[in-house]
Amino acid sequence: MNHLLTIIFISLFFVSCFPSTTVQAPYLVDESRQKQNLYYIPSTPNTPLSSETGHLHFNFLRSSGDKYSGVELQGGIIPAEHLGIIASFAGAKNSSTEDFTDFHRFNVGAGYVGKISKRWHVEGYGGWGKGQVSNHHFTGYSNIDLNEFFAQPAIAYSNPKKTVEIGLISRFTYADLIVKDAVFDHAREPYNAEQLNRLAWQPTNFMWEPALILRAGWKNFKFHGGYTVSANLNNPSLNMPKGNLSLGASLQFNTAKK
């Protein structure tokens, strides 16, 4: 009996001296933390909601959505009949206390504007944009360059006094998301690794981003509210917000000589 107890004691001693090779659960980063890293953030379509020659507008917006918030600066002018020119900047970060994602984009474009009636008109803008998505992962970082081309047809209403404007926009975006860096532990963050591997294999993303915009106030100053839905048509599993809520102010002037 004493010999049996001695053998059991020696066996337990040696087993305790060697660490287990079993992978523990904390080795994998929690998927909810991995999903804090976003790979595209939608923005508000830049639209003058006007067909008046000489119209000049500046929009100052605060935008937000699932897991992010940011600012947008938009401007545009209609220098000649039926011709509009637009430019905008959008920047956003995670809405959490930590900086998991940093996104920025600059767009320029031009298009056609024309009246349907005294209160209704159509707009059709197209253009190019460039930006970057930078992510701070739990185990490292990644950087993605954004190059895009967009087209955004719209129909708009304004009352005779130009104090209320409503626009329905359907924006289509061809976005190339080029992975530049993926310096993190792919074994510990398999969800993020799959996201970036898919982008590396197929960087092109086709977005459909319809939006509703309402501006109301005075002729030269209006409050702005808008909502944009963002759908990735060929890569629906890309981790990105599905909508953008924008609130802010719009300054509008007519630079044409009377």
C-alpha atoms as a PDB file:
ATOM      1  CA  MET A   1       0.000   0.000   0.000  1.00  0.00           C
ATOM      2  CA  ASN A   2       2.851   2.362   0.875  1.00  0.00           C
ATOM      3  CA  HIS A   3       4.480   1.612  -2.471  1.00  0.00           C
ATOM      4  CA  LEU A   4       1.209   2.462  -4.271  1.00  0.00           C
ATOM      5  CA  LEU A   5       0.899   5.793  -2.486  1.00  0.00           C
ATOM      6  CA  THR A   6       4.531   6.603  -3.305  1.00  0.00           C
ATOM      7  CA  ILE A   7       3.961   5.915  -7.035  1.00  0.00           C
ATOM      8  CA  ILE A   8       0.820   8.093  -7.093  1.00  0.00           C
ATOM      9  CA  PHE A   9       2.632  10.948  -5.327  1.00  0.00           C
ATOM     10  CA  ILE A  10       5.607  10.810  -7.732  1.00  0.00           C
ATOM     11  CA  SER A  11       3.247  10.765 -10.762  1.00  0.00           C
ATOM     12  CA  LEU A  12       1.332  13.812  -9.560  1.00  0.00           C
ATOM     13  CA  PHE A  13       4.593  15.638  -8.875  1.00  0.00           C
ATOM     14  CA  PHE A  14       5.936  15.154 -12.382  1.00  0.00           C
ATOM     15  CA  VAL A  15       2.617  16.028 -14.028  1.00  0.00           C
ATOM     16  CA  SER A  16       2.514  19.316 -12.132  1.00  0.00           C
ATOM     17  CA  CYS A  17       6.035  20.205 -13.281  1.00  0.00           C
ATOM     18  CA  PHE A  18       5.075  20.325 -16.985  1.00  0.00           C
ATOM     19  CA  PRO A  19       2.671  23.060 -18.193  1.00  0.00           C
ATOM     20  CA  SER A  20      -0.362  22.032 -20.193  1.00  0.00           C
ATOM     21  CA  THR A  21      -0.095  22.461 -23.967  1.00  0.00           C
ATOM     22  CA  THR A  22      -3.851  22.966 -24.309  1.00  0.00           C
ATOM     23  CA  VAL A  23      -4.745  26.368 -25.846  1.00  0.00           C
ATOM     24  CA  GLN A  24      -6.655  28.414 -23.308  1.00  0.00           C
ATOM     25  CA  ALA A  25      -9.726  30.442 -24.252  1.00  0.00           C
ATOM     26  CA  PRO A  26      -8.095  33.850 -23.528  1.00  0.00           C
ATOM     27  CA  TYR A  27      -5.625  33.135 -26.347  1.00  0.00           C
ATOM     28  CA  LEU A  28      -8.292  34.185 -28.876  1.00  0.00           C
ATOM     29  CA  VAL A  29      -9.321  37.838 -28.780  1.00  0.00           C
ATOM     30  CA  ASP A  30     -13.022  38.131 -28.046  1.00  0.00           C
ATOM     31  CA  GLU A  31     -14.942  38.524 -31.305  1.00  0.00           C
ATOM     32  CA  SER A  32     -16.861  41.531 -29.963  1.00  0.00           C
ATOM     33  CA  ARG A  33     -13.500  43.312 -29.562  1.00  0.00           C
ATOM     34  CA  GLN A  34     -12.413  42.283 -33.052  1.00  0.00           C
ATOM     35  CA  LYS A  35     -15.623  43.753 -34.487  1.00  0.00           C
ATOM     36  CA  GLN A  36     -14.757  47.154 -33.010  1.00  0.00           C
ATOM     37  CA  ASN A  37     -12.403  47.502 -35.979  1.00  0.00           C
ATOM     38  CA  LEU A  38     -14.320  48.857 -38.990  1.00  0.00           C
ATOM     39  CA  TYR A  39     -13.225  48.721 -42.636  1.00  0.00           C
ATOM     40  CA  TYR A  40     -15.499  51.317 -44.245  1.00  0.00           C
ATOM     41  CA  ILE A  41     -17.664  54.154 -42.896  1.00  0.00           C
ATOM     42  CA  PRO A  42     -20.462  55.773 -44.946  1.00  0.00           C
ATOM     43  CA  SER A  43     -20.953  59.528 -45.227  1.00  0.00           C
ATOM     44  CA  THR A  44     -23.724  61.941 -46.212  1.00  0.00           C
ATOM     45  CA  PRO A  45     -24.075  62.620 -49.962  1.00  0.00           C
ATOM     46  CA  ASN A  46     -22.980  66.178 -50.757  1.00  0.00           C
ATOM     47  CA  THR A  47     -25.906  67.705 -52.605  1.00  0.00           C
ATOM     48  CA  PRO A  48     -26.836  71.411 -52.990  1.00  0.00           C
ATOM     49  CA  LEU A  49     -30.594  70.666 -53.301  1.00  0.00           C
ATOM     50  CA  SER A  50     -30.730  73.631 -55.664  1.00  0.00           C
ATOM     51  CA  SER A  51     -30.689  74.343 -59.389  1.00  0.00           C
ATOM     52  CA  GLU A  52     -30.190  78.125 -59.179  1.00  0.00           C
ATOM     53  CA  THR A  53     -27.213  79.495 -61.099  1.00  0.00           C
ATOM     54  CA  GLY A  54     -24.817  81.115 -58.636  1.00  0.00           C
ATOM     55  CA  HIS A  55     -25.967  78.982 -55.692  1.00  0.00           C
ATOM     56  CA  LEU A  56     -23.178  78.500 -53.104  1.00  0.00           C
ATOM     57  CA  HIS A  57     -23.525  76.206 -50.097  1.00  0.00           C
ATOM     58  CA  PHE A  58     -21.508  75.051 -47.083  1.00  0.00           C
ATOM     59  CA  ASN A  59     -22.695  72.222 -44.832  1.00  0.00           C
ATOM     60  CA  PHE A  60     -21.274  71.606 -41.345  1.00  0.00           C
ATOM     61  CA  LEU A  61     -22.415  68.203 -40.130  1.00  0.00           C
ATOM     62  CA  ARG A  62     -22.023  65.865 -37.197  1.00  0.00           C
ATOM     63  CA  SER A  63     -22.488  62.262 -38.310  1.00  0.00           C
ATOM     64  CA  SER A  64     -22.865  59.047 -36.355  1.00  0.00           C
ATOM     65  CA  GLY A  65     -23.803  55.408 -36.705  1.00  0.00           C
ATOM     66  CA  ASP A  66     -23.182  51.989 -35.213  1.00  0.00           C
ATOM     67  CA  LYS A  67     -19.827  52.160 -33.348  1.00  0.00           C
ATOM     68  CA  TYR A  68     -18.650  55.486 -34.820  1.00  0.00           C
ATOM     69  CA  SER A  69     -19.095  59.259 -34.854  1.00  0.00           C
ATOM     70  CA  GLY A  70     -17.481  61.981 -36.920  1.00  0.00           C
ATOM     71  CA  VAL A  71     -17.688  65.309 -38.725  1.00  0.00           C
ATOM     72  CA  GLU A  72     -18.353  66.238 -42.338  1.00  0.00           C
ATOM     73  CA  LEU A  73     -17.568  69.472 -44.174  1.00  0.00           C
ATOM     74  CA  GLN A  74     -19.263  69.984 -47.533  1.00  0.00           C
ATOM     75  CA  GLY A  75     -19.273  72.732 -50.099  1.00  0.00           C
ATOM     76  CA  GLY A  76     -20.475  73.361 -53.620  1.00  0.00           C
ATOM     77  CA  ILE A  77     -21.354  75.928 -56.239  1.00  0.00           C
ATOM     78  CA  ILE A  78     -23.472  76.110 -59.386  1.00  0.00           C
ATOM     79  CA  PRO A  79     -21.267  78.400 -61.531  1.00  0.00           C
ATOM     80  CA  ALA A  80     -23.312  78.122 -64.707  1.00  0.00           C
ATOM     81  CA  GLU A  81     -26.698  76.924 -65.846  1.00  0.00           C
ATOM     82  CA  HIS A  82     -27.061  73.134 -65.419  1.00  0.00           C
ATOM     83  CA  LEU A  83     -23.511  72.766 -63.994  1.00  0.00           C
ATOM     84  CA  GLY A  84     -22.709  71.988 -60.363  1.00  0.00           C
ATOM     85  CA  ILE A  85     -19.351  71.452 -58.615  1.00  0.00           C
ATOM     86  CA  ILE A  86     -18.998  69.822 -55.177  1.00  0.00           C
ATOM     87  CA  ALA A  87     -16.239  68.952 -52.678  1.00  0.00           C
ATOM     88  CA  SER A  88     -16.370  67.391 -49.222  1.00  0.00           C
ATOM     89  CA  PHE A  89     -14.329  65.972 -46.333  1.00  0.00           C
ATOM     90  CA  ALA A  90     -15.454  63.314 -43.865  1.00  0.00           C
ATOM     91  CA  GLY A  91     -13.617  62.069 -40.797  1.00  0.00           C
ATOM     92  CA  ALA A  92     -14.795  59.527 -38.212  1.00  0.00           C
ATOM     93  CA  LYS A  93     -13.599  57.425 -35.278  1.00  0.00           C
ATOM     94  CA  ASN A  94     -15.057  54.763 -33.035  1.00  0.00           C
ATOM     95  CA  SER A  95     -17.613  56.158 -30.626  1.00  0.00           C
ATOM     96  CA  SER A  96     -16.012  54.210 -27.747  1.00  0.00           C
ATOM     97  CA  THR A  97     -13.465  55.719 -25.367  1.00  0.00           C
ATOM     98  CA  GLU A  98     -10.631  53.954 -27.209  1.00  0.00           C
ATOM     99  CA  ASP A  99      -9.460  54.829 -30.720  1.00  0.00           C
ATOM    100  CA  PHE A 100      -9.978  51.520 -32.536  1.00  0.00           C
ATOM    101  CA  THR A 101     -10.683  52.957 -36.019  1.00  0.00           C
ATOM    102  CA  ASP A 102      -9.658  56.224 -37.703  1.00  0.00           C
ATOM    103  CA  PHE A 103     -11.326  56.961 -41.051  1.00  0.00           C
ATOM    104  CA  HIS A 104     -11.055  59.962 -43.368  1.00  0.00           C
ATOM    105  CA  ARG A 105     -12.036  60.675 -46.975  1.00  0.00           C
ATOM    106  CA  PHE A 106     -11.990  63.598 -49.430  1.00  0.00           C
ATOM    107  CA  ASN A 107     -14.340  63.806 -52.445  1.00  0.00           C
ATOM    108  CA  VAL A 108     -14.662  66.088 -55.463  1.00  0.00           C
ATOM    109  CA  GLY A 109     -17.260  65.944 -58.201  1.00  0.00           C
ATOM    110  CA  ALA A 110     -19.342  67.712 -60.812  1.00  0.00           C
ATOM    111  CA  GLY A 111     -22.713  67.180 -62.374  1.00  0.00           C
ATOM    112  CA  TYR A 112     -25.931  68.281 -64.025  1.00  0.00           C
ATOM    113  CA  VAL A 113     -28.798  70.184 -62.382  1.00  0.00           C
ATOM    114  CA  GLY A 114     -32.102  71.002 -64.046  1.00  0.00           C
ATOM    115  CA  LYS A 115     -35.599  72.139 -63.135  1.00  0.00           C
ATOM    116  CA  ILE A 116     -38.688  69.970 -63.544  1.00  0.00           C
ATOM    117  CA  SER A 117     -41.068  72.632 -62.280  1.00  0.00           C
ATOM    118  CA  LYS A 118     -40.993  75.682 -60.010  1.00  0.00           C
ATOM    119  CA  ARG A 119     -40.658  73.472 -56.932  1.00  0.00           C
ATOM    120  CA  TRP A 120     -38.960  70.320 -58.207  1.00  0.00           C
ATOM    121  CA  HIS A 121     -35.593  69.731 -59.828  1.00  0.00           C
ATOM    122  CA  VAL A 122     -33.147  66.899 -60.518  1.00  0.00           C
ATOM    123  CA  GLU A 123     -29.439  66.595 -59.764  1.00  0.00           C
ATOM    124  CA  GLY A 124     -26.904  64.119 -61.043  1.00  0.00           C
ATOM    125  CA  TYR A 125     -23.380  64.299 -59.635  1.00  0.00           C
ATOM    126  CA  GLY A 126     -20.389  62.060 -60.161  1.00  0.00           C
ATOM    127  CA  GLY A 127     -16.836  62.205 -58.912  1.00  0.00           C
ATOM    128  CA  TRP A 128     -13.771  60.709 -57.278  1.00  0.00           C
ATOM    129  CA  GLY A 129     -12.635  60.251 -53.709  1.00  0.00           C
ATOM    130  CA  LYS A 130      -9.594  59.162 -51.739  1.00  0.00           C
ATOM    131  CA  GLY A 131      -9.135  58.239 -48.098  1.00  0.00           C
ATOM    132  CA  GLN A 132      -7.724  55.837 -45.525  1.00  0.00           C
ATOM    133  CA  VAL A 133      -8.931  53.433 -42.853  1.00  0.00           C
ATOM    134  CA  SER A 134      -6.512  52.885 -39.939  1.00  0.00           C
ATOM    135  CA  ASN A 135      -7.284  50.292 -37.269  1.00  0.00           C
ATOM    136  CA  HIS A 136      -5.711  49.737 -33.864  1.00  0.00           C
ATOM    137  CA  HIS A 137      -6.173  46.013 -33.224  1.00  0.00           C
ATOM    138  CA  PHE A 138      -5.835  44.245 -29.894  1.00  0.00           C
ATOM    139  CA  THR A 139      -2.556  42.701 -31.080  1.00  0.00           C
ATOM    140  CA  GLY A 140      -1.310  45.271 -33.631  1.00  0.00           C
ATOM    141  CA  TYR A 141      -2.577  47.511 -36.429  1.00  0.00           C
ATOM    142  CA  SER A 142      -3.745  47.641 -40.050  1.00  0.00           C
ATOM    143  CA  ASN A 143      -3.987  50.344 -42.736  1.00  0.00           C
ATOM    144  CA  ILE A 144      -6.213  50.421 -45.809  1.00  0.00           C
ATOM    145  CA  ASP A 145      -6.144  52.931 -48.668  1.00  0.00           C
ATOM    146  CA  LEU A 146      -9.492  53.937 -50.175  1.00  0.00           C
ATOM    147  CA  ASN A 147      -9.998  54.977 -53.798  1.00  0.00           C
ATOM    148  CA  GLU A 148     -13.536  55.450 -55.052  1.00  0.00           C
ATOM    149  CA  PHE A 149     -15.716  56.682 -57.884  1.00  0.00           C
ATOM    150  CA  PHE A 150     -19.324  57.623 -57.257  1.00  0.00           C
ATOM    151  CA  ALA A 151     -22.546  58.641 -59.004  1.00  0.00           C
ATOM    152  CA  GLN A 152     -25.466  60.165 -57.102  1.00  0.00           C
ATOM    153  CA  PRO A 153     -28.687  60.986 -58.957  1.00  0.00           C
ATOM    154  CA  ALA A 154     -31.258  62.874 -56.887  1.00  0.00           C
ATOM    155  CA  ILE A 155     -34.660  64.487 -57.014  1.00  0.00           C
ATOM    156  CA  ALA A 156     -35.301  67.519 -54.803  1.00  0.00           C
ATOM    157  CA  TYR A 157     -38.134  69.768 -53.658  1.00  0.00           C
ATOM    158  CA  SER A 158     -37.961  73.365 -52.382  1.00  0.00           C
ATOM    159  CA  ASN A 159     -40.808  75.703 -51.443  1.00  0.00           C
ATOM    160  CA  PRO A 160     -41.136  79.108 -53.160  1.00  0.00           C
ATOM    161  CA  LYS A 161     -39.431  80.966 -50.286  1.00  0.00           C
ATOM    162  CA  LYS A 162     -36.476  78.514 -50.272  1.00  0.00           C
ATOM    163  CA  THR A 163     -36.927  77.867 -46.549  1.00  0.00           C
ATOM    164  CA  VAL A 164     -37.622  74.128 -46.882  1.00  0.00           C
ATOM    165  CA  GLU A 165     -35.646  71.650 -48.996  1.00  0.00           C
ATOM    166  CA  ILE A 166     -36.099  67.897 -49.286  1.00  0.00           C
ATOM    167  CA  GLY A 167     -33.877  65.581 -51.281  1.00  0.00           C
ATOM    168  CA  LEU A 168     -34.032  61.880 -52.136  1.00  0.00           C
ATOM    169  CA  ILE A 169     -30.614  60.661 -53.291  1.00  0.00           C
ATOM    170  CA  SER A 170     -29.445  57.298 -54.598  1.00  0.00           C
ATOM    171  CA  ARG A 171     -25.645  57.131 -54.417  1.00  0.00           C
ATOM    172  CA  PHE A 172     -23.656  54.340 -56.091  1.00  0.00           C
ATOM    173  CA  THR A 173     -20.012  53.903 -55.109  1.00  0.00           C
ATOM    174  CA  TYR A 174     -17.221  51.827 -56.654  1.00  0.00           C
ATOM    175  CA  ALA A 175     -14.725  51.576 -53.774  1.00  0.00           C
ATOM    176  CA  ASP A 176     -11.287  49.961 -53.897  1.00  0.00           C
ATOM    177  CA  LEU A 177     -10.054  49.107 -50.373  1.00  0.00           C
ATOM    178  CA  ILE A 178      -6.336  48.363 -50.746  1.00  0.00           C
ATOM    179  CA  VAL A 179      -4.717  46.623 -47.750  1.00  0.00           C
ATOM    180  CA  LYS A 180      -1.351  48.291 -47.053  1.00  0.00           C
ATOM    181  CA  ASP A 181      -0.508  46.880 -43.602  1.00  0.00           C
ATOM    182  CA  ALA A 182      -1.867  43.982 -41.553  1.00  0.00           C
ATOM    183  CA  VAL A 183       0.555  43.858 -38.620  1.00  0.00           C
ATOM    184  CA  PHE A 184      -1.318  41.928 -35.943  1.00  0.00           C
ATOM    185  CA  ASP A 185      -1.573  38.339 -34.671  1.00  0.00           C
ATOM    186  CA  HIS A 186      -3.821  36.654 -37.223  1.00  0.00           C
ATOM    187  CA  ALA A 187      -4.064  33.491 -35.120  1.00  0.00           C
ATOM    188  CA  ARG A 188      -5.461  35.402 -32.160  1.00  0.00           C
ATOM    189  CA  GLU A 189      -7.765  37.585 -34.285  1.00  0.00           C
ATOM    190  CA  PRO A 190      -9.219  35.195 -36.892  1.00  0.00           C
ATOM    191  CA  TYR A 191     -12.268  37.385 -37.626  1.00  0.00           C
ATOM    192  CA  ASN A 192     -10.128  40.410 -38.546  1.00  0.00           C
ATOM    193  CA  ALA A 193      -7.678  38.194 -40.427  1.00  0.00           C
ATOM    194  CA  GLU A 194     -10.529  36.866 -42.568  1.00  0.00           C
ATOM    195  CA  GLN A 195     -11.774  40.413 -43.245  1.00  0.00           C
ATOM    196  CA  LEU A 196      -8.379  41.605 -44.481  1.00  0.00           C
ATOM    197  CA  ASN A 197      -7.617  38.419 -46.408  1.00  0.00           C
ATOM    198  CA  ARG A 198     -10.892  38.829 -48.281  1.00  0.00           C
ATOM    199  CA  LEU A 199     -10.080  42.466 -49.100  1.00  0.00           C
ATOM    200  CA  ALA A 200      -6.589  41.490 -50.260  1.00  0.00           C
ATOM    201  CA  TRP A 201      -8.116  38.903 -52.581  1.00  0.00           C
ATOM    202  CA  GLN A 202     -10.988  41.136 -53.773  1.00  0.00           C
ATOM    203  CA  PRO A 203     -10.471  44.838 -52.941  1.00  0.00           C
ATOM    204  CA  THR A 204     -13.355  46.125 -55.100  1.00  0.00           C
ATOM    205  CA  ASN A 205     -16.602  46.891 -53.264  1.00  0.00           C
ATOM    206  CA  PHE A 206     -19.848  48.097 -54.845  1.00  0.00           C
ATOM    207  CA  MET A 207     -21.897  50.228 -52.437  1.00  0.00           C
ATOM    208  CA  TRP A 208     -25.489  51.397 -52.755  1.00  0.00           C
ATOM    209  CA  GLU A 209     -26.150  54.309 -50.407  1.00  0.00           C
ATOM    210  CA  PRO A 210     -29.646  55.845 -50.717  1.00  0.00           C
ATOM    211  CA  ALA A 211     -30.274  58.904 -48.535  1.00  0.00           C
ATOM    212  CA  LEU A 212     -33.050  61.234 -47.404  1.00  0.00           C
ATOM    213  CA  ILE A 213     -32.092  64.845 -46.581  1.00  0.00           C
ATOM    214  CA  LEU A 214     -34.245  67.580 -45.039  1.00  0.00           C
ATOM    215  CA  ARG A 215     -33.188  71.222 -44.570  1.00  0.00           C
ATOM    216  CA  ALA A 216     -35.427  73.874 -43.051  1.00  0.00           C
ATOM    217  CA  GLY A 217     -34.989  77.367 -41.653  1.00  0.00           C
ATOM    218  CA  TRP A 218     -34.343  80.577 -43.564  1.00  0.00           C
ATOM    219  CA  LYS A 219     -33.179  81.272 -47.095  1.00  0.00           C
ATOM    220  CA  ASN A 220     -29.495  81.639 -46.163  1.00  0.00           C
ATOM    221  CA  PHE A 221     -29.354  79.459 -43.050  1.00  0.00           C
ATOM    222  CA  LYS A 222     -31.025  76.095 -42.561  1.00  0.00           C
ATOM    223  CA  PHE A 223     -30.878  73.237 -40.113  1.00  0.00           C
ATOM    224  CA  HIS A 224     -29.876  69.954 -41.710  1.00  0.00           C
ATOM    225  CA  GLY A 225     -31.001  66.413 -40.972  1.00  0.00           C
ATOM    226  CA  GLY A 226     -30.317  63.342 -43.043  1.00  0.00           C
ATOM    227  CA  TYR A 227     -30.020  59.583 -42.989  1.00  0.00           C
ATOM    228  CA  THR A 228     -28.023  57.388 -45.363  1.00  0.00           C
ATOM    229  CA  VAL A 229     -28.351  53.608 -45.683  1.00  0.00           C
ATOM    230  CA  SER A 230     -25.175  51.818 -46.762  1.00  0.00           C
ATOM    231  CA  ALA A 231     -25.278  48.371 -48.395  1.00  0.00           C
ATOM    232  CA  ASN A 232     -22.239  46.506 -49.725  1.00  0.00           C
ATOM    233  CA  LEU A 233     -23.614  44.666 -52.750  1.00  0.00           C
ATOM    234  CA  ASN A 234     -20.747  42.272 -53.489  1.00  0.00           C
ATOM    235  CA  ASN A 235     -19.135  41.905 -50.035  1.00  0.00           C
ATOM    236  CA  PRO A 236     -22.011  42.023 -47.523  1.00  0.00           C
ATOM    237  CA  SER A 237     -19.910  40.430 -44.760  1.00  0.00           C
ATOM    238  CA  LEU A 238     -17.494  43.399 -44.646  1.00  0.00           C
ATOM    239  CA  ASN A 239     -17.511  44.797 -41.106  1.00  0.00           C
ATOM    240  CA  MET A 240     -18.936  48.284 -41.662  1.00  0.00           C
ATOM    241  CA  PRO A 241     -21.816  50.409 -40.336  1.00  0.00           C
ATOM    242  CA  LYS A 242     -25.099  50.043 -42.187  1.00  0.00           C
ATOM    243  CA  GLY A 243     -26.211  53.665 -41.800  1.00  0.00           C
ATOM    244  CA  ASN A 244     -25.217  57.274 -41.241  1.00  0.00           C
ATOM    245  CA  LEU A 245     -27.247  59.875 -39.335  1.00  0.00           C
ATOM    246  CA  SER A 246     -26.199  63.484 -39.989  1.00  0.00           C
ATOM    247  CA  LEU A 247     -27.285  66.627 -38.141  1.00  0.00           C
ATOM    248  CA  GLY A 248     -25.958  70.130 -38.618  1.00  0.00           C
ATOM    249  CA  ALA A 249     -26.300  73.449 -40.392  1.00  0.00           C
ATOM    250  CA  SER A 250     -26.292  74.658 -43.992  1.00  0.00           C
ATOM    251  CA  LEU A 251     -25.223  78.117 -45.161  1.00  0.00           C
ATOM    252  CA  GLN A 252     -26.509  79.069 -48.612  1.00  0.00           C
ATOM    253  CA  PHE A 253     -25.982  82.143 -50.783  1.00  0.00           C
ATOM    254  CA  ASN A 254     -26.607  83.218 -54.342  1.00  0.00           C
ATOM    255  CA  THR A 255     -23.501  84.742 -55.899  1.00  0.00           C
ATOM    256  CA  ALA A 256     -25.116  85.543 -59.245  1.00  0.00           C
ATOM    257  CA  LYS A 257     -25.432  89.203 -60.091  1.00  0.00           C
ATOM    258  CA  LYS A 258     -29.004  90.482 -60.078  1.00  0.00           C
END
